[in-house]
């Protein structure tokens, strides 16, 4: 049934972490309601807003990484395409940055 999608370990980990983050944020919000604040993002956001923006950005970073991995071989003189773990790590850094400073 799910053989139409390539469920590589990074993809499984990414979607598992997204689900865990949503569950964790739900519990956190129920225990401690959020206070809107302004960070480097050009709008006032709540924790949920920052999570959504961070996850959306993480998805785009992963898509760009997958789409540009063939070109990275030529750009950086690599022997083979870089592993998707680099895109996953970059996405995690972006998400943490948005959650803490956004």
PDB file of N, CA and C in Angstrom:
ATOM      1  N   UNK A   1       0.818  -1.189   0.000  1.00  0.00           N
ATOM      2  CA  UNK A   1       0.000   0.000   0.000  1.00  0.00           C
ATOM      3  C   UNK A   1       0.868   1.261   0.000  1.00  0.00           C
ATOM      4  N   UNK A   2       1.979   1.273   0.730  1.00  0.00           N
ATOM      5  CA  UNK A   2       2.830   2.458   0.783  1.00  0.00           C
ATOM      6  C   UNK A   2       4.077   2.323  -0.085  1.00  0.00           C
ATOM      7  N   UNK A   3       4.056   1.414  -1.052  1.00  0.00           N
ATOM      8  CA  UNK A   3       5.245   1.207  -1.873  1.00  0.00           C
ATOM      9  C   UNK A   3       5.447   2.290  -2.923  1.00  0.00           C
ATOM     10  N   UNK A   4       4.538   3.254  -3.038  1.00  0.00           N
ATOM     11  CA  UNK A   4       4.700   4.353  -3.985  1.00  0.00           C
ATOM     12  C   UNK A   4       5.701   5.373  -3.487  1.00  0.00           C
ATOM     13  N   UNK A   5       6.026   5.338  -2.197  1.00  0.00           N
ATOM     14  CA  UNK A   5       6.949   6.315  -1.629  1.00  0.00           C
ATOM     15  C   UNK A   5       8.204   5.606  -1.143  1.00  0.00           C
ATOM     16  N   UNK A   6       9.323   6.265  -1.308  1.00  0.00           N
ATOM     17  CA  UNK A   6      10.586   5.702  -0.846  1.00  0.00           C
ATOM     18  C   UNK A   6      10.730   6.036   0.635  1.00  0.00           C
ATOM     19  N   UNK A   7      10.556   5.026   1.477  1.00  0.00           N
ATOM     20  CA  UNK A   7      10.658   5.224   2.923  1.00  0.00           C
ATOM     21  C   UNK A   7      12.071   4.912   3.370  1.00  0.00           C
ATOM     22  N   UNK A   8      12.970   5.812   3.053  1.00  0.00           N
ATOM     23  CA  UNK A   8      14.353   5.649   3.497  1.00  0.00           C
ATOM     24  C   UNK A   8      14.427   6.035   4.977  1.00  0.00           C
ATOM     25  N   UNK A   9      15.472   5.610   5.673  1.00  0.00           N
ATOM     26  CA  UNK A   9      15.577   5.958   7.103  1.00  0.00           C
ATOM     27  C   UNK A   9      15.456   7.455   7.395  1.00  0.00           C
ATOM     28  N   UNK A  10      16.104   8.359   6.619  1.00  0.00           N
ATOM     29  CA  UNK A  10      15.926   9.782   6.927  1.00  0.00           C
ATOM     30  C   UNK A  10      14.476  10.254   6.783  1.00  0.00           C
ATOM     31  N   UNK A  11      13.747   9.717   5.811  1.00  0.00           N
ATOM     32  CA  UNK A  11      12.348  10.118   5.614  1.00  0.00           C
ATOM     33  C   UNK A  11      11.501   9.643   6.788  1.00  0.00           C
ATOM     34  N   UNK A  12      11.711   8.411   7.206  1.00  0.00           N
ATOM     35  CA  UNK A  12      10.962   7.863   8.344  1.00  0.00           C
ATOM     36  C   UNK A  12      11.267   8.664   9.607  1.00  0.00           C
ATOM     37  N   UNK A  13      12.532   8.960   9.835  1.00  0.00           N
ATOM     38  CA  UNK A  13      12.918   9.734  11.016  1.00  0.00           C
ATOM     39  C   UNK A  13      12.299  11.127  10.963  1.00  0.00           C
ATOM     40  N   UNK A  14      12.335  11.768   9.792  1.00  0.00           N
ATOM     41  CA  UNK A  14      11.772  13.113   9.641  1.00  0.00           C
ATOM     42  C   UNK A  14      10.289  13.121  10.011  1.00  0.00           C
ATOM     43  N   UNK A  15       9.502  12.222   9.435  1.00  0.00           N
ATOM     44  CA  UNK A  15       8.064  12.226   9.697  1.00  0.00           C
ATOM     45  C   UNK A  15       7.745  11.776  11.119  1.00  0.00           C
ATOM     46  N   UNK A  16       8.539  10.882  11.674  1.00  0.00           N
ATOM     47  CA  UNK A  16       8.346  10.476  13.065  1.00  0.00           C
ATOM     48  C   UNK A  16       8.597  11.657  13.994  1.00  0.00           C
ATOM     49  N   UNK A  17       9.656  12.400  13.738  1.00  0.00           N
ATOM     50  CA  UNK A  17       9.956  13.565  14.568  1.00  0.00           C
ATOM     51  C   UNK A  17       8.887  14.650  14.436  1.00  0.00           C
ATOM     52  N   UNK A  18       8.351  14.829  13.253  1.00  0.00           N
ATOM     53  CA  UNK A  18       7.273  15.803  13.071  1.00  0.00           C
ATOM     54  C   UNK A  18       6.073  15.401  13.921  1.00  0.00           C
ATOM     55  N   UNK A  19       5.700  14.132  13.888  1.00  0.00           N
ATOM     56  CA  UNK A  19       4.583  13.661  14.709  1.00  0.00           C
ATOM     57  C   UNK A  19       4.842  13.822  16.191  1.00  0.00           C
ATOM     58  N   UNK A  20       6.059  13.507  16.626  1.00  0.00           N
ATOM     59  CA  UNK A  20       6.413  13.670  18.034  1.00  0.00           C
ATOM     60  C   UNK A  20       6.409  15.139  18.453  1.00  0.00           C
ATOM     61  N   UNK A  21       6.877  16.022  17.551  1.00  0.00           N
ATOM     62  CA  UNK A  21       6.854  17.450  17.861  1.00  0.00           C
ATOM     63  C   UNK A  21       5.428  17.966  18.009  1.00  0.00           C
ATOM     64  N   UNK A  22       4.540  17.532  17.127  1.00  0.00           N
ATOM     65  CA  UNK A  22       3.146  17.970  17.223  1.00  0.00           C
ATOM     66  C   UNK A  22       2.504  17.483  18.511  1.00  0.00           C
ATOM     67  N   UNK A  23       2.765  16.242  18.885  1.00  0.00           N
ATOM     68  CA  UNK A  23       2.224  15.709  20.134  1.00  0.00           C
ATOM     69  C   UNK A  23       2.818  16.455  21.333  1.00  0.00           C
ATOM     70  N   UNK A  24       4.130  16.675  21.314  1.00  0.00           N
ATOM     71  CA  UNK A  24       4.781  17.392  22.404  1.00  0.00           C
ATOM     72  C   UNK A  24       4.290  18.818  22.540  1.00  0.00           C
ATOM     73  N   UNK A  25       4.099  19.493  21.415  1.00  0.00           N
ATOM     74  CA  UNK A  25       3.612  20.877  21.451  1.00  0.00           C
ATOM     75  C   UNK A  25       2.176  20.928  21.978  1.00  0.00           C
ATOM     76  N   UNK A  26       1.371  19.928  21.675  1.00  0.00           N
ATOM     77  CA  UNK A  26       0.005  19.880  22.190  1.00  0.00           C
ATOM     78  C   UNK A  26       0.011  19.776  23.708  1.00  0.00           C
ATOM     79  N   UNK A  27       0.821  18.872  24.230  1.00  0.00           N
ATOM     80  CA  UNK A  27       0.917  18.710  25.683  1.00  0.00           C
ATOM     81  C   UNK A  27       1.465  19.988  26.314  1.00  0.00           C
ATOM     82  N   UNK A  28       2.495  20.563  25.726  1.00  0.00           N
ATOM     83  CA  UNK A  28       3.100  21.788  26.250  1.00  0.00           C
ATOM     84  C   UNK A  28       2.081  22.930  26.288  1.00  0.00           C
ATOM     85  N   UNK A  29       1.298  23.056  25.227  1.00  0.00           N
ATOM     86  CA  UNK A  29       0.298  24.122  25.160  1.00  0.00           C
ATOM     87  C   UNK A  29      -0.794  23.917  26.209  1.00  0.00           C
ATOM     88  N   UNK A  30      -1.187  22.682  26.447  1.00  0.00           N
ATOM     89  CA  UNK A  30      -2.205  22.413  27.455  1.00  0.00           C
ATOM     90  C   UNK A  30      -1.695  22.698  28.864  1.00  0.00           C
ATOM     91  N   UNK A  31      -0.431  22.418  29.114  1.00  0.00           N
ATOM     92  CA  UNK A  31       0.148  22.636  30.444  1.00  0.00           C
ATOM     93  C   UNK A  31       0.553  24.084  30.680  1.00  0.00           C
ATOM     94  N   UNK A  32       1.004  24.763  29.631  1.00  0.00           N
ATOM     95  CA  UNK A  32       1.494  26.140  29.766  1.00  0.00           C
ATOM     96  C   UNK A  32       1.104  26.934  28.521  1.00  0.00           C
ATOM     97  N   UNK A  33      -0.022  27.636  28.575  1.00  0.00           N
ATOM     98  CA  UNK A  33      -0.448  28.398  27.386  1.00  0.00           C
ATOM     99  C   UNK A  33       0.628  29.378  26.920  1.00  0.00           C
ATOM    100  N   UNK A  34       0.696  29.537  25.627  1.00  0.00           N
ATOM    101  CA  UNK A  34       1.741  30.353  25.016  1.00  0.00           C
ATOM    102  C   UNK A  34       1.467  31.849  25.161  1.00  0.00           C
ATOM    103  N   UNK A  35       2.546  32.613  25.097  1.00  0.00           N
ATOM    104  CA  UNK A  35       2.469  34.075  25.122  1.00  0.00           C
ATOM    105  C   UNK A  35       3.028  34.569  23.779  1.00  0.00           C
ATOM    106  N   UNK A  36       2.237  35.307  23.002  1.00  0.00           N
ATOM    107  CA  UNK A  36       2.747  35.804  21.713  1.00  0.00           C
ATOM    108  C   UNK A  36       3.963  36.716  21.925  1.00  0.00           C
ATOM    109  N   UNK A  37       4.924  36.616  21.012  1.00  0.00           N
ATOM    110  CA  UNK A  37       6.122  37.464  21.082  1.00  0.00           C
ATOM    111  C   UNK A  37       6.654  37.741  19.687  1.00  0.00           C
ATOM    112  N   UNK A  38       7.540  38.722  19.621  1.00  0.00           N
ATOM    113  CA  UNK A  38       8.161  39.107  18.341  1.00  0.00           C
ATOM    114  C   UNK A  38       9.639  38.772  18.396  1.00  0.00           C
ATOM    115  N   UNK A  39      10.099  38.029  17.410  1.00  0.00           N
ATOM    116  CA  UNK A  39      11.510  37.699  17.277  1.00  0.00           C
ATOM    117  C   UNK A  39      12.021  38.242  15.951  1.00  0.00           C
ATOM    118  N   UNK A  40      12.873  37.458  15.272  1.00  0.00           N
ATOM    119  CA  UNK A  40      13.394  37.927  13.983  1.00  0.00           C
ATOM    120  C   UNK A  40      12.384  37.786  12.853  1.00  0.00           C
ATOM    121  N   UNK A  41      11.328  36.999  13.064  1.00  0.00           N
ATOM    122  CA  UNK A  41      10.278  36.893  12.045  1.00  0.00           C
ATOM    123  C   UNK A  41       9.499  38.211  12.001  1.00  0.00           C
ATOM    124  N   UNK A  42       9.008  38.605  10.834  1.00  0.00           N
ATOM    125  CA  UNK A  42       8.377  39.925  10.718  1.00  0.00           C
ATOM    126  C   UNK A  42       6.930  39.964  11.220  1.00  0.00           C
ATOM    127  N   UNK A  43       6.578  39.142  12.182  1.00  0.00           N
ATOM    128  CA  UNK A  43       5.245  39.150  12.750  1.00  0.00           C
ATOM    129  C   UNK A  43       5.292  38.619  14.179  1.00  0.00           C
ATOM    130  N   UNK A  44       4.256  38.910  14.932  1.00  0.00           N
ATOM    131  CA  UNK A  44       4.149  38.398  16.296  1.00  0.00           C
ATOM    132  C   UNK A  44       3.657  36.958  16.197  1.00  0.00           C
ATOM    133  N   UNK A  45       4.362  36.035  16.880  1.00  0.00           N
ATOM    134  CA  UNK A  45       4.052  34.614  16.749  1.00  0.00           C
ATOM    135  C   UNK A  45       3.890  33.949  18.105  1.00  0.00           C
ATOM    136  N   UNK A  46       3.162  32.833  18.090  1.00  0.00           N
ATOM    137  CA  UNK A  46       3.061  31.958  19.246  1.00  0.00           C
ATOM    138  C   UNK A  46       3.973  30.756  18.993  1.00  0.00           C
ATOM    139  N   UNK A  47       4.103  29.873  19.986  1.00  0.00           N
ATOM    140  CA  UNK A  47       4.917  28.662  19.779  1.00  0.00           C
ATOM    141  C   UNK A  47       4.411  27.849  18.601  1.00  0.00           C
ATOM    142  N   UNK A  48       3.101  27.709  18.501  1.00  0.00           N
ATOM    143  CA  UNK A  48       2.517  26.936  17.402  1.00  0.00           C
ATOM    144  C   UNK A  48       2.807  27.559  16.044  1.00  0.00           C
ATOM    145  N   UNK A  49       2.745  28.884  15.974  1.00  0.00           N
ATOM    146  CA  UNK A  49       3.074  29.578  14.725  1.00  0.00           C
ATOM    147  C   UNK A  49       4.519  29.310  14.330  1.00  0.00           C
ATOM    148  N   UNK A  50       5.419  29.421  15.310  1.00  0.00           N
ATOM    149  CA  UNK A  50       6.842  29.203  15.031  1.00  0.00           C
ATOM    150  C   UNK A  50       7.108  27.758  14.632  1.00  0.00           C
ATOM    151  N   UNK A  51       6.402  26.813  15.261  1.00  0.00           N
ATOM    152  CA  UNK A  51       6.566  25.413  14.866  1.00  0.00           C
ATOM    153  C   UNK A  51       6.109  25.213  13.426  1.00  0.00           C
ATOM    154  N   UNK A  52       4.962  25.770  13.072  1.00  0.00           N
ATOM    155  CA  UNK A  52       4.460  25.634  11.706  1.00  0.00           C
ATOM    156  C   UNK A  52       5.428  26.244  10.700  1.00  0.00           C
ATOM    157  N   UNK A  53       5.890  27.465  10.974  1.00  0.00           N
ATOM    158  CA  UNK A  53       6.834  28.129  10.064  1.00  0.00           C
ATOM    159  C   UNK A  53       8.130  27.329   9.979  1.00  0.00           C
ATOM    160  N   UNK A  54       8.601  26.837  11.116  1.00  0.00           N
ATOM    161  CA  UNK A  54       9.829  26.035  11.129  1.00  0.00           C
ATOM    162  C   UNK A  54       9.687  24.737  10.357  1.00  0.00           C
ATOM    163  N   UNK A  55       8.550  24.041  10.530  1.00  0.00           N
ATOM    164  CA  UNK A  55       8.330  22.793   9.800  1.00  0.00           C
ATOM    165  C   UNK A  55       8.167  23.035   8.309  1.00  0.00           C
ATOM    166  N   UNK A  56       7.490  24.107   7.959  1.00  0.00           N
ATOM    167  CA  UNK A  56       7.334  24.443   6.536  1.00  0.00           C
ATOM    168  C   UNK A  56       8.692  24.737   5.914  1.00  0.00           C
ATOM    169  N   UNK A  57       9.508  25.512   6.612  1.00  0.00           N
ATOM    170  CA  UNK A  57      10.852  25.799   6.126  1.00  0.00           C
ATOM    171  C   UNK A  57      11.705  24.542   6.042  1.00  0.00           C
ATOM    172  N   UNK A  58      11.568  23.654   7.032  1.00  0.00           N
ATOM    173  CA  UNK A  58      12.329  22.394   7.023  1.00  0.00           C
ATOM    174  C   UNK A  58      11.944  21.533   5.826  1.00  0.00           C
ATOM    175  N   UNK A  59      10.659  21.499   5.514  1.00  0.00           N
ATOM    176  CA  UNK A  59      10.221  20.729   4.348  1.00  0.00           C
ATOM    177  C   UNK A  59      10.815  21.303   3.064  1.00  0.00           C
ATOM    178  N   UNK A  60      10.803  22.625   2.936  1.00  0.00           N
ATOM    179  CA  UNK A  60      11.377  23.256   1.739  1.00  0.00           C
ATOM    180  C   UNK A  60      12.893  23.039   1.663  1.00  0.00           C
ATOM    181  N   UNK A  61      13.572  23.084   2.790  1.00  0.00           N
ATOM    182  CA  UNK A  61      15.016  22.831   2.798  1.00  0.00           C
ATOM    183  C   UNK A  61      15.292  21.411   2.326  1.00  0.00           C
ATOM    184  N   UNK A  62      14.520  20.441   2.827  1.00  0.00           N
ATOM    185  CA  UNK A  62      14.711  19.062   2.389  1.00  0.00           C
ATOM    186  C   UNK A  62      14.428  18.899   0.898  1.00  0.00           C
ATOM    187  N   UNK A  63      13.362  19.525   0.416  1.00  0.00           N
ATOM    188  CA  UNK A  63      13.046  19.430  -1.016  1.00  0.00           C
ATOM    189  C   UNK A  63      14.133  20.062  -1.879  1.00  0.00           C
ATOM    190  N   UNK A  64      14.639  21.224  -1.441  1.00  0.00           N
ATOM    191  CA  UNK A  64      15.722  21.857  -2.200  1.00  0.00           C
ATOM    192  C   UNK A  64      16.976  21.001  -2.186  1.00  0.00           C
ATOM    193  N   UNK A  65      17.266  20.392  -1.057  1.00  0.00           N
ATOM    194  CA  UNK A  65      18.453  19.559  -0.953  1.00  0.00           C
ATOM    195  C   UNK A  65      18.348  18.363  -1.895  1.00  0.00           C
ATOM    196  N   UNK A  66      17.187  17.724  -1.908  1.00  0.00           N
ATOM    197  CA  UNK A  66      16.999  16.580  -2.811  1.00  0.00           C
ATOM    198  C   UNK A  66      17.074  17.032  -4.266  1.00  0.00           C
ATOM    199  N   UNK A  67      16.451  18.155  -4.581  1.00  0.00           N
ATOM    200  CA  UNK A  67      16.440  18.653  -5.951  1.00  0.00           C
ATOM    201  C   UNK A  67      17.802  19.123  -6.444  1.00  0.00           C
ATOM    202  N   UNK A  68      18.632  19.619  -5.552  1.00  0.00           N
ATOM    203  CA  UNK A  68      19.925  20.177  -5.960  1.00  0.00           C
ATOM    204  C   UNK A  68      21.100  19.241  -5.706  1.00  0.00           C
ATOM    205  N   UNK A  69      20.843  18.047  -5.172  1.00  0.00           N
ATOM    206  CA  UNK A  69      21.963  17.167  -4.811  1.00  0.00           C
ATOM    207  C   UNK A  69      22.795  16.747  -6.031  1.00  0.00           C
ATOM    208  N   UNK A  70      22.161  16.578  -7.185  1.00  0.00           N
ATOM    209  CA  UNK A  70      22.941  16.235  -8.391  1.00  0.00           C
ATOM    210  C   UNK A  70      23.849  17.394  -8.796  1.00  0.00           C
ATOM    211  N   UNK A  71      23.347  18.625  -8.711  1.00  0.00           N
ATOM    212  CA  UNK A  71      24.157  19.780  -9.066  1.00  0.00           C
ATOM    213  C   UNK A  71      25.286  20.012  -8.066  1.00  0.00           C
ATOM    214  N   UNK A  72      25.084  19.606  -6.818  1.00  0.00           N
ATOM    215  CA  UNK A  72      26.124  19.781  -5.802  1.00  0.00           C
ATOM    216  C   UNK A  72      27.384  18.993  -6.141  1.00  0.00           C
ATOM    217  N   UNK A  73      27.209  17.889  -6.834  1.00  0.00           N
ATOM    218  CA  UNK A  73      28.366  17.094  -7.255  1.00  0.00           C
ATOM    219  C   UNK A  73      29.269  17.943  -8.145  1.00  0.00           C
ATOM    220  N   UNK A  74      28.683  18.645  -9.100  1.00  0.00           N
ATOM    221  CA  UNK A  74      29.468  19.486 -10.005  1.00  0.00           C
ATOM    222  C   UNK A  74      29.962  20.755  -9.313  1.00  0.00           C
ATOM    223  N   UNK A  75      29.100  21.375  -8.518  1.00  0.00           N
ATOM    224  CA  UNK A  75      29.467  22.633  -7.864  1.00  0.00           C
ATOM    225  C   UNK A  75      30.645  22.475  -6.917  1.00  0.00           C
ATOM    226  N   UNK A  76      30.623  21.397  -6.139  1.00  0.00           N
ATOM    227  CA  UNK A  76      31.627  21.230  -5.093  1.00  0.00           C
ATOM    228  C   UNK A  76      32.669  20.170  -5.429  1.00  0.00           C
ATOM    229  N   UNK A  77      32.608  19.593  -6.638  1.00  0.00           N
ATOM    230  CA  UNK A  77      33.581  18.597  -7.064  1.00  0.00           C
ATOM    231  C   UNK A  77      33.530  17.320  -6.228  1.00  0.00           C
ATOM    232  N   UNK A  78      32.339  16.862  -5.894  1.00  0.00           N
ATOM    233  CA  UNK A  78      32.174  15.667  -5.061  1.00  0.00           C
ATOM    234  C   UNK A  78      32.258  14.411  -5.913  1.00  0.00           C
ATOM    235  N   UNK A  79      32.591  13.297  -5.292  1.00  0.00           N
ATOM    236  CA  UNK A  79      32.638  12.014  -5.996  1.00  0.00           C
ATOM    237  C   UNK A  79      31.249  11.430  -6.181  1.00  0.00           C
ATOM    238  N   UNK A  80      30.363  11.708  -5.242  1.00  0.00           N
ATOM    239  CA  UNK A  80      28.991  11.201  -5.316  1.00  0.00           C
ATOM    240  C   UNK A  80      28.046  12.228  -4.699  1.00  0.00           C
ATOM    241  N   UNK A  81      26.736  12.001  -4.886  1.00  0.00           N
ATOM    242  CA  UNK A  81      25.754  12.921  -4.323  1.00  0.00           C
ATOM    243  C   UNK A  81      25.848  12.919  -2.803  1.00  0.00           C
ATOM    244  N   UNK A  82      25.673  14.087  -2.174  1.00  0.00           N
ATOM    245  CA  UNK A  82      25.712  14.129  -0.705  1.00  0.00           C
ATOM    246  C   UNK A  82      24.512  13.388  -0.120  1.00  0.00           C
ATOM    247  N   UNK A  83      24.693  12.827   1.044  1.00  0.00           N
ATOM    248  CA  UNK A  83      23.628  12.088   1.696  1.00  0.00           C
ATOM    249  C   UNK A  83      22.518  13.024   2.175  1.00  0.00           C
ATOM    250  N   UNK A  84      21.320  12.508   2.243  1.00  0.00           N
ATOM    251  CA  UNK A  84      20.171  13.306   2.664  1.00  0.00           C
ATOM    252  C   UNK A  84      20.284  13.728   4.127  1.00  0.00           C
ATOM    253  N   UNK A  85      21.183  13.083   4.875  1.00  0.00           N
ATOM    254  CA  UNK A  85      21.370  13.458   6.281  1.00  0.00           C
ATOM    255  C   UNK A  85      21.808  14.915   6.408  1.00  0.00           C
ATOM    256  N   UNK A  86      22.528  15.443   5.423  1.00  0.00           N
ATOM    257  CA  UNK A  86      22.928  16.851   5.459  1.00  0.00           C
ATOM    258  C   UNK A  86      21.696  17.751   5.385  1.00  0.00           C
ATOM    259  N   UNK A  87      20.767  17.405   4.520  1.00  0.00           N
ATOM    260  CA  UNK A  87      19.527  18.176   4.424  1.00  0.00           C
ATOM    261  C   UNK A  87      18.700  18.079   5.702  1.00  0.00           C
ATOM    262  N   UNK A  88      18.688  16.899   6.297  1.00  0.00           N
ATOM    263  CA  UNK A  88      17.959  16.710   7.545  1.00  0.00           C
ATOM    264  C   UNK A  88      18.580  17.530   8.665  1.00  0.00           C
ATOM    265  N   UNK A  89      19.899  17.532   8.742  1.00  0.00           N
ATOM    266  CA  UNK A  89      20.588  18.314   9.771  1.00  0.00           C
ATOM    267  C   UNK A  89      20.347  19.810   9.573  1.00  0.00           C
ATOM    268  N   UNK A  90      20.410  20.269   8.330  1.00  0.00           N
ATOM    269  CA  UNK A  90      20.158  21.678   8.036  1.00  0.00           C
ATOM    270  C   UNK A  90      18.724  22.063   8.409  1.00  0.00           C
ATOM    271  N   UNK A  91      17.779  21.167   8.154  1.00  0.00           N
ATOM    272  CA  UNK A  91      16.386  21.404   8.532  1.00  0.00           C
ATOM    273  C   UNK A  91      16.233  21.509  10.041  1.00  0.00           C
ATOM    274  N   UNK A  92      16.928  20.644  10.771  1.00  0.00           N
ATOM    275  CA  UNK A  92      16.853  20.673  12.231  1.00  0.00           C
ATOM    276  C   UNK A  92      17.417  21.984  12.778  1.00  0.00           C
ATOM    277  N   UNK A  93      18.517  22.441  12.203  1.00  0.00           N
ATOM    278  CA  UNK A  93      19.100  23.713  12.636  1.00  0.00           C
ATOM    279  C   UNK A  93      18.120  24.854  12.381  1.00  0.00           C
ATOM    280  N   UNK A  94      17.487  24.851  11.219  1.00  0.00           N
ATOM    281  CA  UNK A  94      16.509  25.883  10.893  1.00  0.00           C
ATOM    282  C   UNK A  94      15.343  25.853  11.883  1.00  0.00           C
ATOM    283  N   UNK A  95      14.829  24.673  12.179  1.00  0.00           N
ATOM    284  CA  UNK A  95      13.703  24.546  13.086  1.00  0.00           C
ATOM    285  C   UNK A  95      14.062  25.058  14.485  1.00  0.00           C
ATOM    286  N   UNK A  96      15.219  24.686  14.990  1.00  0.00           N
ATOM    287  CA  UNK A  96      15.653  25.154  16.316  1.00  0.00           C
ATOM    288  C   UNK A  96      15.809  26.677  16.308  1.00  0.00           C
ATOM    289  N   UNK A  97      16.374  27.222  15.259  1.00  0.00           N
ATOM    290  CA  UNK A  97      16.565  28.675  15.154  1.00  0.00           C
ATOM    291  C   UNK A  97      15.222  29.402  15.185  1.00  0.00           C
ATOM    292  N   UNK A  98      14.260  28.929  14.431  1.00  0.00           N
ATOM    293  CA  UNK A  98      12.945  29.577  14.389  1.00  0.00           C
ATOM    294  C   UNK A  98      12.239  29.440  15.734  1.00  0.00           C
ATOM    295  N   UNK A  99      12.324  28.280  16.358  1.00  0.00           N
ATOM    296  CA  UNK A  99      11.642  28.073  17.638  1.00  0.00           C
ATOM    297  C   UNK A  99      12.261  28.936  18.738  1.00  0.00           C
ATOM    298  N   UNK A 100      13.576  29.101  18.753  1.00  0.00           N
ATOM    299  CA  UNK A 100      14.228  29.851  19.820  1.00  0.00           C
ATOM    300  C   UNK A 100      14.226  31.361  19.592  1.00  0.00           C
ATOM    301  N   UNK A 101      14.497  31.789  18.358  1.00  0.00           N
ATOM    302  CA  UNK A 101      14.696  33.216  18.080  1.00  0.00           C
ATOM    303  C   UNK A 101      13.603  33.850  17.237  1.00  0.00           C
ATOM    304  N   UNK A 102      12.750  33.030  16.626  1.00  0.00           N
ATOM    305  CA  UNK A 102      11.740  33.548  15.708  1.00  0.00           C
ATOM    306  C   UNK A 102      10.636  34.199  16.431  1.00  0.00           C
TER     307      UNK A 102
END
